[in-house]
Amino acid sequence: MSESEDPHVVVTSERLQSVIEALSYASVDEFESCLSLLERSGELRDEFSELETAFSIFVRELGEAKSELNRTLAQQEAINRELEAKLETIEVQQAAIRELSTPIIEVWASVLCLPVVGIVDSQRSAEMTETLLETIVSKQARMAIVDITGIDVMDTKTADHFIKMARAVRLLGAECIISGINPGIAQTLTHIGVDLTGIRTLRSLRDALQLYLRETEQLVVHQHSQLARKLSSET
């Protein structure tokens, strides 16, 4: 560099103020106002305008990612409302299907529910497991909820049937949750030493559906958070 060359870039205070104001807009998700300021500020062509251009690209991509995240969250809220409506329908229908042997209900595109009522012997267990596994494959389900609210008494053999069913579901790559365990059954399982290690249990079908919803929301937010960080690192 010769002595006559000046390494500094002269920027007017008005121009700096525009960039600062644009940054304040971006901080509150006012991306259009931010981009408008940057476009006016970046009309001059110099080394500082390169920074303004890079900032504009970052803000535009961040705005698009934010919009996509908002759309996804809105869809998730709609899913939440639909799941609640479906749950109410299930609770009404359960009273009418107690006499059915294996009523598998598709509560969501990837979630199945198997309400179990009455005595579960070896034959009925085999039939339920076979039907459940076939439905998981045909519906490409990711979760099967086995609801045992309708079972009042459980012994070692009955518990073993459900453990084998849950393990068979997991072999297909789906998750199996056993819901509807009342205090009496919980005490019985503890007393007879049934090992439920690796099997998720919840108090009610509602809890199981809410768990699925929370985990789905967390997955969506995590994916979009990773996208936002990726966009930020590329600018």
Protein backbone atom coordinates (compact mmCIF):
# COMPACT_ATOMS: atom_id res chain seq x y z
CA MET A 1 0.00 0.00 0.00
CA SER A 2 1.40 3.39 -0.98
CA GLU A 3 1.55 6.28 1.47
CA SER A 4 -1.11 8.13 -0.55
CA GLU A 5 -3.68 5.35 -0.11
CA ASP A 6 -6.06 5.73 2.83
CA PRO A 7 -7.15 2.37 4.36
CA HIS A 8 -10.10 4.00 6.11
CA VAL A 9 -13.62 4.27 4.70
CA VAL A 10 -15.38 7.56 5.33
CA VAL A 11 -19.02 7.07 6.31
CA THR A 12 -21.40 9.89 7.12
CA SER A 13 -23.17 9.98 10.45
CA GLU A 14 -26.54 9.90 8.65
CA ARG A 15 -25.55 6.68 6.93
CA LEU A 16 -24.41 5.07 10.17
CA GLN A 17 -27.62 6.20 11.83
CA SER A 18 -29.64 4.51 9.06
CA VAL A 19 -27.81 1.23 9.63
CA ILE A 20 -28.33 1.47 13.39
CA GLU A 21 -32.02 2.21 12.87
CA ALA A 22 -32.27 -0.72 10.44
CA LEU A 23 -30.70 -2.97 13.06
CA SER A 24 -33.27 -1.83 15.62
CA TYR A 25 -36.07 -2.74 13.19
CA ALA A 26 -34.55 -6.19 12.64
CA SER A 27 -34.37 -6.77 16.39
CA VAL A 28 -38.18 -6.54 16.63
CA ASP A 29 -38.84 -8.56 13.44
CA GLU A 30 -39.71 -5.48 11.35
CA PHE A 31 -37.76 -6.88 8.42
CA GLU A 32 -39.47 -4.89 5.64
CA SER A 33 -38.72 -1.56 7.34
CA CYS A 34 -35.16 -2.72 7.95
CA LEU A 35 -34.61 -3.65 4.30
CA SER A 36 -36.16 -0.38 3.12
CA LEU A 37 -33.67 1.63 5.17
CA LEU A 38 -30.74 -0.48 4.01
CA GLU A 39 -31.71 -0.05 0.37
CA ARG A 40 -31.81 3.72 0.70
CA SER A 41 -28.60 3.76 2.69
CA GLY A 42 -26.82 1.47 0.23
CA GLU A 43 -27.41 3.57 -2.89
CA LEU A 44 -23.80 4.76 -2.73
CA ARG A 45 -21.22 2.31 -4.04
CA ASP A 46 -18.19 2.01 -1.80
CA GLU A 47 -16.61 -0.52 0.54
CA PHE A 48 -19.18 0.20 3.24
CA SER A 49 -22.00 -0.62 0.82
CA GLU A 50 -20.66 -4.19 0.66
CA LEU A 51 -21.35 -4.51 4.37
CA GLU A 52 -24.83 -3.05 3.85
CA THR A 53 -25.51 -5.55 1.07
CA ALA A 54 -24.38 -8.47 3.23
CA PHE A 55 -26.55 -7.20 6.07
CA SER A 56 -29.53 -6.95 3.69
CA ILE A 57 -29.05 -10.55 2.55
CA PHE A 58 -28.87 -11.74 6.15
CA VAL A 59 -32.02 -9.81 7.13
CA ARG A 60 -33.94 -11.10 4.10
CA GLU A 61 -33.01 -14.73 4.84
CA LEU A 62 -33.75 -14.25 8.52
CA GLY A 63 -37.15 -12.81 7.66
CA GLU A 64 -37.95 -15.77 5.42
CA ALA A 65 -36.89 -18.22 8.14
CA LYS A 66 -38.99 -16.34 10.70
CA SER A 67 -42.03 -16.40 8.39
CA GLU A 68 -41.61 -20.14 7.83
CA LEU A 69 -41.31 -20.72 11.57
CA ASN A 70 -44.48 -18.69 12.22
CA ARG A 71 -46.35 -20.71 9.59
CA THR A 72 -45.16 -23.95 11.14
CA LEU A 73 -46.16 -22.86 14.65
CA ALA A 74 -49.58 -21.79 13.36
CA GLN A 75 -50.00 -25.22 11.78
CA GLN A 76 -48.95 -26.81 15.05
CA GLU A 77 -51.57 -24.80 16.93
CA ALA A 78 -54.17 -26.05 14.47
CA ILE A 79 -52.92 -29.58 15.06
CA ASN A 80 -53.27 -29.01 18.80
CA ARG A 81 -56.89 -27.92 18.41
CA GLU A 82 -57.63 -30.84 16.12
CA LEU A 83 -56.04 -33.30 18.52
CA GLU A 84 -58.13 -31.92 21.37
CA ALA A 85 -61.25 -32.31 19.26
CA LYS A 86 -60.26 -35.85 18.31
CA LEU A 87 -59.59 -36.67 21.95
CA GLU A 88 -63.08 -35.58 22.92
CA THR A 89 -64.45 -37.78 20.14
CA ILE A 90 -62.38 -40.73 21.37
CA GLU A 91 -63.61 -40.32 24.93
CA VAL A 92 -67.21 -40.42 23.71
CA GLN A 93 -66.59 -43.38 21.44
CA GLN A 94 -64.78 -45.44 24.07
CA ALA A 95 -68.03 -46.08 25.91
CA ALA A 96 -69.56 -47.49 22.72
CA ILE A 97 -66.66 -49.74 21.72
CA ARG A 98 -65.90 -51.47 25.02
CA GLU A 99 -67.25 -54.75 23.68
CA LEU A 100 -65.01 -54.69 20.63
CA SER A 101 -61.97 -56.92 20.85
CA THR A 102 -59.36 -54.80 19.11
CA PRO A 103 -60.58 -51.27 18.35
CA ILE A 104 -57.55 -49.52 16.87
CA ILE A 105 -58.20 -45.80 16.40
CA GLU A 106 -56.07 -43.58 14.21
CA VAL A 107 -56.01 -40.41 16.30
CA TRP A 108 -53.54 -38.71 13.97
CA ALA A 109 -51.72 -39.45 10.72
CA SER A 110 -48.89 -41.18 12.58
CA VAL A 111 -50.48 -42.02 15.94
CA LEU A 112 -52.60 -45.08 16.75
CA CYS A 113 -54.56 -45.84 19.90
CA LEU A 114 -55.56 -49.30 21.11
CA PRO A 115 -58.09 -49.09 23.98
CA VAL A 116 -58.07 -52.40 25.89
CA VAL A 117 -61.08 -53.48 27.92
CA GLY A 118 -61.71 -56.70 29.82
CA ILE A 119 -59.59 -59.80 30.31
CA VAL A 120 -56.45 -60.22 28.21
CA ASP A 121 -55.44 -63.85 27.78
CA SER A 122 -52.79 -65.33 25.48
CA GLN A 123 -55.12 -65.68 22.49
CA ARG A 124 -56.55 -62.18 22.74
CA SER A 125 -53.09 -60.73 23.31
CA ALA A 126 -51.79 -62.41 20.16
CA GLU A 127 -54.76 -61.10 18.16
CA MET A 128 -54.32 -57.56 19.48
CA THR A 129 -50.58 -57.59 18.81
CA GLU A 130 -51.00 -58.91 15.28
CA THR A 131 -53.68 -56.36 14.42
CA LEU A 132 -51.71 -53.51 15.99
CA LEU A 133 -48.50 -54.39 14.13
CA GLU A 134 -50.34 -54.72 10.82
CA THR A 135 -51.98 -51.35 11.35
CA ILE A 136 -48.67 -49.70 12.24
CA VAL A 137 -47.19 -50.93 8.98
CA SER A 138 -50.20 -50.02 6.83
CA LYS A 139 -50.62 -46.56 8.39
CA GLN A 140 -46.85 -45.96 8.74
CA ALA A 141 -47.47 -44.96 12.34
CA ARG A 142 -44.68 -43.61 14.52
CA MET A 143 -46.47 -44.08 17.84
CA ALA A 144 -48.90 -46.63 19.27
CA ILE A 145 -50.74 -45.81 22.49
CA VAL A 146 -52.06 -48.87 24.32
CA ASP A 147 -54.68 -47.53 26.72
CA ILE A 148 -55.55 -49.89 29.58
CA THR A 149 -58.00 -47.62 31.39
CA GLY A 150 -60.65 -50.32 30.95
CA ILE A 151 -58.61 -52.95 32.82
CA ASP A 152 -59.31 -53.11 36.56
CA VAL A 153 -57.03 -56.00 37.54
CA MET A 154 -53.64 -57.02 36.17
CA ASP A 155 -51.49 -60.01 37.04
CA THR A 156 -48.04 -61.13 35.91
CA LYS A 157 -49.30 -62.87 32.77
CA THR A 158 -51.38 -59.89 31.66
CA ALA A 159 -48.47 -57.51 32.24
CA ASP A 160 -46.19 -59.82 30.27
CA HIS A 161 -48.60 -59.68 27.31
CA PHE A 162 -48.34 -55.89 27.17
CA ILE A 163 -44.56 -55.91 27.59
CA LYS A 164 -44.19 -58.26 24.63
CA MET A 165 -46.62 -56.13 22.62
CA ALA A 166 -44.60 -52.97 23.35
CA ARG A 167 -41.34 -54.64 22.38
CA ALA A 168 -42.84 -55.91 19.13
CA VAL A 169 -43.98 -52.38 18.29
CA ARG A 170 -40.48 -51.04 18.92
CA LEU A 171 -39.02 -53.64 16.55
CA LEU A 172 -41.03 -51.97 13.78
CA GLY A 173 -39.38 -48.63 14.57
CA ALA A 174 -42.43 -47.13 16.30
CA GLU A 175 -42.79 -46.04 19.90
CA CYS A 176 -45.26 -47.76 22.22
CA ILE A 177 -46.75 -45.95 25.20
CA ILE A 178 -48.94 -47.67 27.77
CA SER A 179 -51.48 -45.25 29.22
CA GLY A 180 -54.31 -45.53 31.73
CA ILE A 181 -52.38 -47.19 34.57
CA ASN A 182 -54.45 -46.56 37.70
CA PRO A 183 -53.00 -46.54 41.25
CA GLY A 184 -54.21 -50.07 41.96
CA ILE A 185 -52.51 -51.53 38.90
CA ALA A 186 -49.37 -49.51 39.64
CA GLN A 187 -49.18 -51.00 43.14
CA THR A 188 -49.80 -54.50 41.79
CA LEU A 189 -47.07 -54.21 39.15
CA THR A 190 -44.64 -52.97 41.79
CA HIS A 191 -45.59 -55.75 44.21
CA ILE A 192 -45.16 -58.57 41.69
CA GLY A 193 -41.92 -57.07 40.39
CA VAL A 194 -42.88 -56.46 36.75
CA ASP A 195 -39.99 -54.85 34.86
CA LEU A 196 -41.21 -52.04 32.60
CA THR A 197 -37.74 -50.72 31.82
CA GLY A 198 -37.66 -49.07 28.41
CA ILE A 199 -41.45 -48.80 28.16
CA ARG A 200 -43.01 -45.38 28.60
CA THR A 201 -46.10 -45.34 30.82
CA LEU A 202 -48.52 -42.48 31.41
CA ARG A 203 -51.56 -41.96 33.57
CA SER A 204 -54.08 -41.24 30.80
CA LEU A 205 -54.63 -41.18 27.06
CA ARG A 206 -54.78 -37.39 27.24
CA ASP A 207 -51.30 -37.32 28.77
CA ALA A 208 -49.98 -39.53 25.97
CA LEU A 209 -51.41 -37.28 23.25
CA GLN A 210 -50.11 -34.16 24.97
CA LEU A 211 -46.67 -35.77 25.18
CA TYR A 212 -46.75 -36.48 21.44
CA LEU A 213 -47.76 -32.88 20.75
CA ARG A 214 -45.01 -31.42 22.97
CA GLU A 215 -42.32 -33.58 21.40
CA THR A 216 -43.53 -32.69 17.91
CA GLU A 217 -43.47 -28.97 18.74
CA GLN A 218 -39.98 -29.26 20.22
CA LEU A 219 -38.77 -31.06 17.09
CA VAL A 220 -40.20 -28.37 14.80
CA VAL A 221 -38.75 -25.51 16.86
CA HIS A 222 -35.36 -27.26 17.04
CA GLN A 223 -35.26 -27.78 13.27
CA HIS A 224 -36.06 -24.15 12.54
CA SER A 225 -33.60 -22.95 15.17
CA GLN A 226 -30.89 -24.93 13.40
CA LEU A 227 -31.95 -23.37 10.09
CA ALA A 228 -31.76 -19.85 11.54
CA ARG A 229 -28.28 -20.51 12.96
CA LYS A 230 -27.15 -21.92 9.63
CA LEU A 231 -28.39 -18.84 7.77
CA SER A 232 -26.69 -16.61 10.33
CA SER A 233 -23.35 -18.41 9.98
CA GLU A 234 -23.44 -18.15 6.19
CA THR A 235 -23.70 -14.36 6.18
